[in-house]
């Protein structure tokens, strides 16, 4: 196994990793659900999911993706730069879509904004990013995460995500951007 088989999957997940907490930094303004409630009488998403956060976080992740594509040139990973840019943008968009779906699920379960939902809280954005990448460029998904020894890198991404999510939330809490440190 080559070291890049462990490192590339992590590096190529950075657009999703950046998009998710960047939404908090950009957040505020009009809620994505417009204040509407679902059939169960609960908010669709809640005040924590705003359009400004959604688009700002997506833009932040996409910019990181462009920088990775330019710096890596795609050559080291075996993919062309032009192919990486839309794929990384899809991952950033998918991360925030997955996060919004996670909020929807939490509201349906009767959980308040900020309430703990282990596993869902840590992985909704990653699942959304990978699913949108699968739609945008399935070959790239396979090549980046599921081919040969890169599968070990993908497993490392899954493990790292848990701790990274926690660390970023603690930082957001200490900066006053989040009400809970989880």
Protein backbone atom coordinates (compact mmCIF):
# COMPACT_ATOMS: atom_id res chain seq x y z
CA UNK A 1 0.00 0.00 0.00
CA UNK A 2 1.28 3.45 -0.94
CA UNK A 3 0.95 6.38 1.50
CA UNK A 4 -1.12 8.33 -1.04
CA UNK A 5 -3.74 5.60 -0.90
CA UNK A 6 -4.40 6.70 2.67
CA UNK A 7 -3.88 10.43 2.16
CA UNK A 8 -5.74 11.11 -1.12
CA UNK A 9 -9.18 10.06 0.11
CA UNK A 10 -8.82 12.43 3.07
CA UNK A 11 -7.56 15.33 0.94
CA UNK A 12 -10.32 14.82 -1.61
CA UNK A 13 -12.92 14.89 1.17
CA UNK A 14 -11.81 18.37 2.28
CA UNK A 15 -14.48 20.20 0.22
CA UNK A 16 -17.15 18.42 2.27
CA UNK A 17 -15.21 18.87 5.50
CA UNK A 18 -14.92 22.63 4.85
CA UNK A 19 -18.46 23.18 3.57
CA UNK A 20 -20.16 21.78 6.65
CA UNK A 21 -18.67 24.07 9.35
CA UNK A 22 -18.41 27.01 6.94
CA UNK A 23 -22.21 27.05 6.75
CA UNK A 24 -22.21 27.99 10.45
CA UNK A 25 -19.84 30.89 9.78
CA UNK A 26 -21.94 32.16 6.87
CA UNK A 27 -25.25 31.36 8.59
CA UNK A 28 -28.06 33.60 9.63
CA UNK A 29 -30.82 35.17 7.66
CA UNK A 30 -33.78 33.43 6.08
CA UNK A 31 -34.34 29.83 7.19
CA UNK A 32 -34.42 27.32 4.35
CA UNK A 33 -37.83 26.09 5.44
CA UNK A 34 -39.25 29.63 5.57
CA UNK A 35 -40.63 28.90 9.04
CA UNK A 36 -42.98 26.22 7.71
CA UNK A 37 -44.01 23.20 9.73
CA UNK A 38 -44.38 19.60 8.57
CA UNK A 39 -47.46 17.42 8.93
CA UNK A 40 -46.31 16.46 12.42
CA UNK A 41 -46.54 20.08 13.58
CA UNK A 42 -42.75 20.50 13.87
CA UNK A 43 -40.56 22.78 11.79
CA UNK A 44 -39.35 21.25 8.54
CA UNK A 45 -35.68 22.06 9.25
CA UNK A 46 -35.56 24.81 11.86
CA UNK A 47 -33.81 28.16 12.16
CA UNK A 48 -30.35 26.57 12.08
CA UNK A 49 -30.51 25.85 8.34
CA UNK A 50 -30.41 29.10 6.38
CA UNK A 51 -29.99 29.86 2.71
CA UNK A 52 -27.01 32.10 3.42
CA UNK A 53 -25.29 29.30 5.34
CA UNK A 54 -26.19 26.72 2.69
CA UNK A 55 -24.83 28.71 -0.25
CA UNK A 56 -21.90 30.22 1.68
CA UNK A 57 -20.82 26.81 2.94
CA UNK A 58 -21.19 25.32 -0.54
CA UNK A 59 -19.10 28.14 -1.99
CA UNK A 60 -16.41 27.69 0.68
CA UNK A 61 -16.18 23.96 0.02
CA UNK A 62 -16.13 24.50 -3.74
CA UNK A 63 -13.28 27.03 -3.43
CA UNK A 64 -11.28 24.52 -1.39
CA UNK A 65 -12.05 21.95 -4.09
CA UNK A 66 -10.77 24.25 -6.81
CA UNK A 67 -7.58 24.88 -4.83
CA UNK A 68 -7.05 21.14 -4.35
CA UNK A 69 -7.66 20.52 -8.04
CA UNK A 70 -5.19 23.23 -9.03
CA UNK A 71 -2.53 22.22 -6.51
CA UNK A 72 -2.82 18.51 -7.19
CA UNK A 73 -3.35 19.15 -10.86
CA UNK A 74 -5.22 15.89 -10.79
CA UNK A 75 -2.04 14.20 -11.95
CA UNK A 76 -1.05 12.69 -8.64
CA UNK A 77 -4.45 11.13 -8.23
CA UNK A 78 -4.74 10.09 -11.86
CA UNK A 79 -7.60 12.50 -12.60
CA UNK A 80 -7.67 15.67 -14.65
CA UNK A 81 -8.10 19.08 -13.02
CA UNK A 82 -11.22 19.94 -15.02
CA UNK A 83 -12.86 16.72 -13.89
CA UNK A 84 -12.15 17.42 -10.22
CA UNK A 85 -13.68 20.92 -10.02
CA UNK A 86 -17.34 19.98 -10.66
CA UNK A 87 -16.92 16.83 -8.59
CA UNK A 88 -15.61 18.78 -5.60
CA UNK A 89 -18.38 21.35 -6.01
CA UNK A 90 -20.89 18.49 -5.99
CA UNK A 91 -19.31 17.18 -2.79
CA UNK A 92 -19.63 20.58 -1.08
CA UNK A 93 -23.26 20.90 -2.20
CA UNK A 94 -23.93 17.31 -1.19
CA UNK A 95 -22.43 17.86 2.25
CA UNK A 96 -24.87 20.64 3.04
CA UNK A 97 -27.76 18.81 1.45
CA UNK A 98 -26.95 15.80 3.64
CA UNK A 99 -26.75 18.09 6.67
CA UNK A 100 -30.18 19.56 5.85
CA UNK A 101 -31.63 16.07 5.45
CA UNK A 102 -30.10 15.20 8.82
CA UNK A 103 -31.91 18.22 10.35
CA UNK A 104 -35.15 17.04 8.73
CA UNK A 105 -34.72 13.58 10.27
CA UNK A 106 -33.94 15.07 13.68
CA UNK A 107 -37.09 17.22 13.58
CA UNK A 108 -39.18 14.17 12.64
CA UNK A 109 -37.72 12.33 15.64
CA UNK A 110 -38.80 15.23 17.84
CA UNK A 111 -35.25 16.39 18.56
CA UNK A 112 -34.73 20.10 19.12
CA UNK A 113 -32.11 22.13 17.31
CA UNK A 114 -28.71 21.23 18.73
CA UNK A 115 -29.90 18.00 20.35
CA UNK A 116 -27.50 15.08 20.10
CA UNK A 117 -28.14 12.49 17.41
CA UNK A 118 -25.09 10.22 17.43
CA UNK A 119 -23.98 8.90 14.04
CA UNK A 120 -26.50 11.10 12.19
CA UNK A 121 -24.74 14.26 13.42
CA UNK A 122 -21.31 13.00 12.41
CA UNK A 123 -22.07 11.41 9.07
CA UNK A 124 -25.08 13.07 7.41
CA UNK A 125 -22.87 15.55 5.57
CA UNK A 126 -20.35 12.91 4.49
CA UNK A 127 -23.07 10.62 3.17
CA UNK A 128 -24.64 13.53 1.28
CA UNK A 129 -21.27 14.49 -0.23
CA UNK A 130 -20.52 10.96 -1.38
CA UNK A 131 -24.02 10.40 -2.78
CA UNK A 132 -23.92 13.60 -4.82
CA UNK A 133 -20.43 12.68 -6.03
CA UNK A 134 -21.83 9.29 -7.06
CA UNK A 135 -24.46 11.10 -9.15
CA UNK A 136 -22.08 13.72 -10.57
CA UNK A 137 -19.16 11.42 -11.35
CA UNK A 138 -19.53 7.78 -10.28
CA UNK A 139 -16.20 6.82 -11.84
CA UNK A 140 -14.42 9.42 -9.77
CA UNK A 141 -16.09 8.16 -6.59
CA UNK A 142 -14.85 4.66 -7.33
CA UNK A 143 -11.38 5.88 -8.31
CA UNK A 144 -10.94 8.14 -5.28
CA UNK A 145 -12.39 5.94 -2.58
CA UNK A 146 -13.16 2.39 -3.63
CA UNK A 147 -10.33 1.18 -5.86
CA UNK A 148 -7.61 -1.06 -4.49
CA UNK A 149 -5.84 0.20 -1.41
CA UNK A 150 -7.71 3.52 -1.50
CA UNK A 151 -10.50 1.62 0.22
CA UNK A 152 -8.28 1.72 3.32
CA UNK A 153 -8.04 5.48 2.91
CA UNK A 154 -11.81 5.64 2.67
CA UNK A 155 -12.13 3.65 5.90
CA UNK A 156 -9.68 6.08 7.48
CA UNK A 157 -11.89 8.97 6.32
CA UNK A 158 -14.85 7.34 8.05
CA UNK A 159 -12.88 6.99 11.27
CA UNK A 160 -11.36 10.49 11.11
CA UNK A 161 -14.74 12.08 10.45
CA UNK A 162 -16.03 11.18 13.90
CA UNK A 163 -13.18 12.91 15.76
CA UNK A 164 -12.85 15.76 13.29
CA UNK A 165 -16.55 16.54 13.59
CA UNK A 166 -16.26 16.69 17.36
CA UNK A 167 -13.14 18.88 17.28
CA UNK A 168 -14.66 21.37 14.83
CA UNK A 169 -17.83 21.61 16.92
CA UNK A 170 -15.84 22.28 20.09
CA UNK A 171 -13.98 25.06 18.26
CA UNK A 172 -17.28 26.51 17.01
CA UNK A 173 -18.67 26.38 20.54
CA UNK A 174 -15.63 28.16 21.99
CA UNK A 175 -15.85 30.81 19.28
CA UNK A 176 -19.49 31.40 20.18
CA UNK A 177 -20.76 30.16 16.80
CA UNK A 178 -22.48 27.07 18.24
CA UNK A 179 -24.63 26.71 21.34
CA UNK A 180 -23.50 23.12 22.04
CA UNK A 181 -20.03 21.58 21.75
CA UNK A 182 -21.25 18.49 19.85
